[in-house]
Amino acid sequence: MNPWTKADPFIVSTKATAEASFIQSNVGASSNNFEAVVLEGSNLVHYCKDNSTPGNKWNPMAVISSHASSAGCIIQSTLGASSNNFEVVVLEGSNLVHYYRDNSIPADGSPPTYAWSPKPTATISSQAVSSASLIQSDLGASHNNFEVVVLEAGGLGSQQDNLVHYYRDNGDASPVVYEAVLAELHTQVLRQRLTQNSPLNAPVSVRRMAKTQHSKTPFYRLFTLMCL
């Protein structure tokens, strides 16, 4: 098995205060940039590394949110004029919110602005107590739903937090929809392993049949969640 090797250059940010989320995109001169979102205090910052030339450094591109209170999660989706938007979810206080960046090239050939949405497009949850995980699935009317799992406070006097699944049907112009509580997790177990800026990392394995209403005919699908 080949060993891991420290990249050159290897420093993404010298100001990071939490974990980062990292992807390879189809943006850039060689359509293979690295993209990262990094929490720096209350700023969630987007960094980019152009891989067209070896040795290129990481560069800060934009502050996505100046009210962030957790690490963010970034994906590249199939939405947008060029079907390659960046999507980010991040905690702002107790609100889990969504931002996006349209990576399309203007039809008139002018340089793209690559601007992040100036404010959240939606509040996914107003009871969140952690960072979240975001994916794009093949479910929904256009087979391109967004799916999020996030830890929510269990309520006044509750000894349990809830790991909750939300989805957004991107083919129906619908708002974010609450789907199911995947698990009720004892608050003490999670909170001992969860700092303000840390992602979900409790040693829990959850396997549950969750009912969904993505179609007119109810059906069930199996969710498997591993929190390491």
Protein backbone atom coordinates (compact mmCIF):
# COMPACT_ATOMS: atom_id res chain seq x y z
CA MET A 1 0.00 0.00 0.00
CA ASN A 2 1.41 3.37 -0.99
CA PRO A 3 2.14 5.74 1.91
CA TRP A 4 0.48 9.11 2.42
CA THR A 5 2.71 12.01 1.43
CA LYS A 6 2.45 15.63 2.53
CA ALA A 7 1.47 17.75 -0.49
CA ASP A 8 3.60 20.62 -1.71
CA PRO A 9 2.47 23.24 -0.93
CA PHE A 10 0.64 21.69 2.00
CA ILE A 11 -0.69 24.72 3.94
CA VAL A 12 -4.25 25.68 3.00
CA SER A 13 -4.83 28.26 5.76
CA THR A 14 -2.82 29.56 8.70
CA LYS A 15 -5.96 30.90 10.38
CA ALA A 16 -8.12 27.78 10.59
CA THR A 17 -10.09 27.28 13.81
CA ALA A 18 -11.88 24.04 12.90
CA GLU A 19 -11.93 21.16 10.45
CA ALA A 20 -12.35 21.79 6.74
CA SER A 21 -14.41 20.29 3.93
CA PHE A 22 -12.50 19.41 0.76
CA ILE A 23 -13.42 18.38 -2.82
CA GLN A 24 -12.01 18.28 -6.32
CA SER A 25 -14.11 20.26 -8.80
CA ASN A 26 -14.31 20.59 -12.57
CA VAL A 27 -13.44 24.30 -12.36
CA GLY A 28 -10.08 25.82 -13.33
CA ALA A 29 -7.67 25.89 -16.23
CA SER A 30 -7.42 22.09 -16.26
CA SER A 31 -10.93 21.50 -14.86
CA ASN A 32 -9.50 19.84 -11.76
CA ASN A 33 -9.17 22.48 -9.04
CA PHE A 34 -9.11 21.58 -5.37
CA GLU A 35 -11.73 23.46 -3.31
CA ALA A 36 -11.94 23.79 0.48
CA VAL A 37 -14.13 25.66 2.94
CA VAL A 38 -12.32 26.60 6.14
CA LEU A 39 -13.63 28.13 9.37
CA GLU A 40 -11.50 31.09 10.46
CA GLY A 41 -13.11 32.50 13.59
CA SER A 42 -16.64 33.43 12.51
CA ASN A 43 -15.72 33.53 8.81
CA LEU A 44 -16.28 30.52 6.58
CA VAL A 45 -13.72 31.03 3.81
CA HIS A 46 -13.54 29.38 0.41
CA TYR A 47 -10.02 28.40 -0.70
CA CYS A 48 -8.99 27.15 -4.12
CA LYS A 49 -5.90 25.47 -5.56
CA ASP A 50 -5.43 25.50 -9.34
CA ASN A 51 -3.91 22.15 -10.26
CA SER A 52 -3.03 23.12 -13.84
CA THR A 53 0.55 23.84 -12.74
CA PRO A 54 2.42 21.80 -10.10
CA GLY A 55 3.33 23.79 -7.03
CA ASN A 56 0.47 26.27 -7.25
CA LYS A 57 -0.53 27.56 -3.82
CA TRP A 58 -3.88 27.58 -2.11
CA ASN A 59 -5.59 30.96 -2.40
CA PRO A 60 -8.50 32.45 -0.45
CA MET A 61 -11.35 33.17 -2.85
CA ALA A 62 -14.20 34.59 -0.76
CA VAL A 63 -15.82 34.74 2.66
CA ILE A 64 -18.97 32.68 2.27
CA SER A 65 -20.40 33.55 5.70
CA SER A 66 -19.24 36.00 8.35
CA HIS A 67 -21.58 34.48 10.97
CA ALA A 68 -20.36 30.88 10.89
CA SER A 69 -20.20 28.90 14.12
CA SER A 70 -19.09 25.52 12.78
CA ALA A 71 -17.12 23.89 10.03
CA GLY A 72 -18.90 23.96 6.69
CA CYS A 73 -19.55 21.24 4.12
CA ILE A 74 -19.04 21.80 0.37
CA ILE A 75 -20.13 19.77 -2.65
CA GLN A 76 -20.27 20.39 -6.38
CA SER A 77 -23.80 19.80 -7.63
CA THR A 78 -25.47 19.41 -11.01
CA LEU A 79 -27.42 22.66 -10.58
CA GLY A 80 -26.75 25.96 -12.31
CA ALA A 81 -26.48 27.04 -15.94
CA SER A 82 -23.39 24.88 -16.40
CA SER A 83 -24.58 22.11 -14.05
CA ASN A 84 -21.63 22.60 -11.70
CA ASN A 85 -22.65 24.88 -8.82
CA PHE A 86 -20.84 24.78 -5.51
CA GLU A 87 -23.18 24.19 -2.56
CA VAL A 88 -22.32 24.80 1.10
CA VAL A 89 -24.15 24.21 4.36
CA VAL A 90 -22.89 25.83 7.55
CA LEU A 91 -24.11 26.50 11.08
CA GLU A 92 -24.87 30.12 11.98
CA GLY A 93 -25.87 30.12 15.65
CA SER A 94 -28.60 27.49 15.80
CA ASN A 95 -29.52 27.89 12.12
CA LEU A 96 -28.15 25.48 9.54
CA VAL A 97 -28.12 27.49 6.32
CA HIS A 98 -27.37 26.93 2.63
CA TYR A 99 -25.18 29.00 0.29
CA TYR A 100 -24.27 28.38 -3.35
CA ARG A 101 -21.92 29.64 -6.08
CA ASP A 102 -22.86 29.58 -9.77
CA ASN A 103 -19.82 28.41 -11.72
CA SER A 104 -21.31 28.96 -15.17
CA ILE A 105 -19.47 30.86 -17.91
CA PRO A 106 -21.48 33.85 -19.26
CA ALA A 107 -22.87 33.28 -22.77
CA ASP A 108 -21.26 36.54 -23.99
CA GLY A 109 -17.81 35.21 -23.17
CA SER A 110 -17.17 37.70 -20.36
CA PRO A 111 -15.23 36.47 -17.32
CA PRO A 112 -17.35 34.62 -14.76
CA THR A 113 -18.02 36.42 -11.49
CA TYR A 114 -17.83 33.29 -9.35
CA ALA A 115 -19.77 35.07 -6.62
CA TRP A 116 -21.25 33.23 -3.65
CA SER A 117 -24.88 34.00 -2.82
CA PRO A 118 -24.74 37.13 -0.63
CA LYS A 119 -27.06 35.62 1.96
CA PRO A 120 -28.35 32.14 2.77
CA THR A 121 -30.83 30.77 0.27
CA ALA A 122 -32.60 28.80 2.99
CA THR A 123 -32.57 27.89 6.66
CA ILE A 124 -32.55 24.11 6.74
CA SER A 125 -32.88 23.78 10.52
CA SER A 126 -33.29 26.31 13.33
CA GLN A 127 -32.41 23.80 16.08
CA ALA A 128 -29.02 22.62 14.87
CA VAL A 129 -26.18 22.06 17.36
CA SER A 130 -23.47 20.79 15.02
CA SER A 131 -22.03 21.03 11.59
CA ALA A 132 -23.79 18.94 8.95
CA SER A 133 -23.14 16.53 6.11
CA LEU A 134 -24.47 17.35 2.62
CA ILE A 135 -24.74 15.19 -0.49
CA GLN A 136 -26.63 15.22 -3.78
CA SER A 137 -28.53 11.99 -4.36
CA ASP A 138 -30.29 10.43 -7.36
CA LEU A 139 -33.70 10.69 -5.66
CA GLY A 140 -36.53 13.11 -6.37
CA ALA A 141 -38.44 14.32 -9.40
CA SER A 142 -35.26 15.08 -11.34
CA HIS A 143 -33.04 12.54 -9.54
CA ASN A 144 -30.91 15.29 -7.99
CA ASN A 145 -32.17 15.92 -4.47
CA PHE A 146 -30.00 17.53 -1.81
CA GLU A 147 -29.78 15.45 1.37
CA VAL A 148 -28.55 16.72 4.76
CA VAL A 149 -28.05 15.09 8.13
CA VAL A 150 -27.56 17.31 11.17
CA LEU A 151 -27.66 17.00 14.95
CA GLU A 152 -30.53 18.92 16.58
CA ALA A 153 -31.20 19.73 20.21
CA GLY A 154 -33.76 17.41 21.72
CA GLY A 155 -35.73 20.14 23.44
CA LEU A 156 -36.09 21.55 26.96
CA GLY A 157 -35.29 18.94 29.59
CA SER A 158 -34.44 16.29 27.01
CA GLN A 159 -31.47 14.02 27.61
CA GLN A 160 -31.28 13.17 23.92
CA ASP A 161 -30.21 14.96 20.76
CA ASN A 162 -31.69 13.94 17.44
CA LEU A 163 -29.80 13.17 14.28
CA VAL A 164 -32.19 14.47 11.65
CA HIS A 165 -32.44 14.05 7.86
CA TYR A 166 -33.63 16.87 5.60
CA TYR A 167 -33.97 16.88 1.84
CA ARG A 168 -34.71 19.34 -0.96
CA ASP A 169 -36.28 18.16 -4.22
CA ASN A 170 -34.38 20.16 -6.83
CA GLY A 171 -36.78 19.19 -9.60
CA ASP A 172 -39.81 20.64 -7.89
CA ALA A 173 -38.63 24.09 -6.75
CA SER A 174 -39.69 22.98 -3.30
CA PRO A 175 -38.40 24.25 0.02
CA VAL A 176 -36.29 22.10 2.30
CA VAL A 177 -38.40 19.35 3.83
CA TYR A 178 -37.92 17.57 7.15
CA GLU A 179 -37.97 13.85 6.56
CA ALA A 180 -37.08 11.71 9.53
CA VAL A 181 -35.28 11.44 12.82
CA LEU A 182 -32.58 8.91 12.03
CA ALA A 183 -31.60 8.37 15.62
CA GLU A 184 -32.13 9.64 19.12
CA LEU A 185 -28.66 9.98 20.57
CA HIS A 186 -27.97 10.47 24.24
CA THR A 187 -26.89 14.06 24.76
CA GLN A 188 -24.04 13.26 27.13
CA VAL A 189 -22.40 10.82 24.72
CA LEU A 190 -22.43 13.27 21.84
CA ARG A 191 -21.78 16.52 23.65
CA GLN A 192 -18.64 15.07 25.23
CA ARG A 193 -17.32 14.53 21.71
CA LEU A 194 -18.80 17.63 20.12
CA THR A 195 -17.19 21.04 20.49
CA GLN A 196 -18.69 24.16 19.01
CA ASN A 197 -16.56 23.87 15.91
CA SER A 198 -16.35 20.10 15.53
CA PRO A 199 -18.31 17.89 13.14
CA LEU A 200 -20.30 14.86 14.16
CA ASN A 201 -17.87 12.29 15.48
CA ALA A 202 -19.74 10.12 17.96
CA PRO A 203 -19.01 6.38 17.79
CA VAL A 204 -22.50 5.46 16.65
CA SER A 205 -23.79 3.22 13.89
CA VAL A 206 -27.41 3.69 12.90
CA ARG A 207 -29.39 1.54 10.48
CA ARG A 208 -33.02 2.37 10.06
CA MET A 209 -35.84 2.10 7.59
CA ALA A 210 -37.09 5.62 6.95
CA LYS A 211 -40.30 6.45 5.14
CA THR A 212 -40.08 9.04 2.42
CA GLN A 213 -42.63 10.83 0.28
CA HIS A 214 -40.54 11.69 -2.76
CA SER A 215 -43.20 10.10 -4.95
CA LYS A 216 -46.96 9.75 -4.79
CA THR A 217 -46.57 6.10 -3.86
CA PRO A 218 -44.94 5.76 -0.43
CA PHE A 219 -41.88 3.59 -0.37
CA TYR A 220 -39.08 2.82 2.02
CA ARG A 221 -35.36 3.04 1.69
CA LEU A 222 -32.57 1.95 3.94
CA PHE A 223 -30.35 4.57 5.50
CA THR A 224 -27.01 3.53 6.91
CA LEU A 225 -25.15 6.16 8.88
CA MET A 226 -21.67 5.74 10.25
CA CYS A 227 -20.33 8.36 12.66
CA LEU A 228 -16.73 7.60 13.46
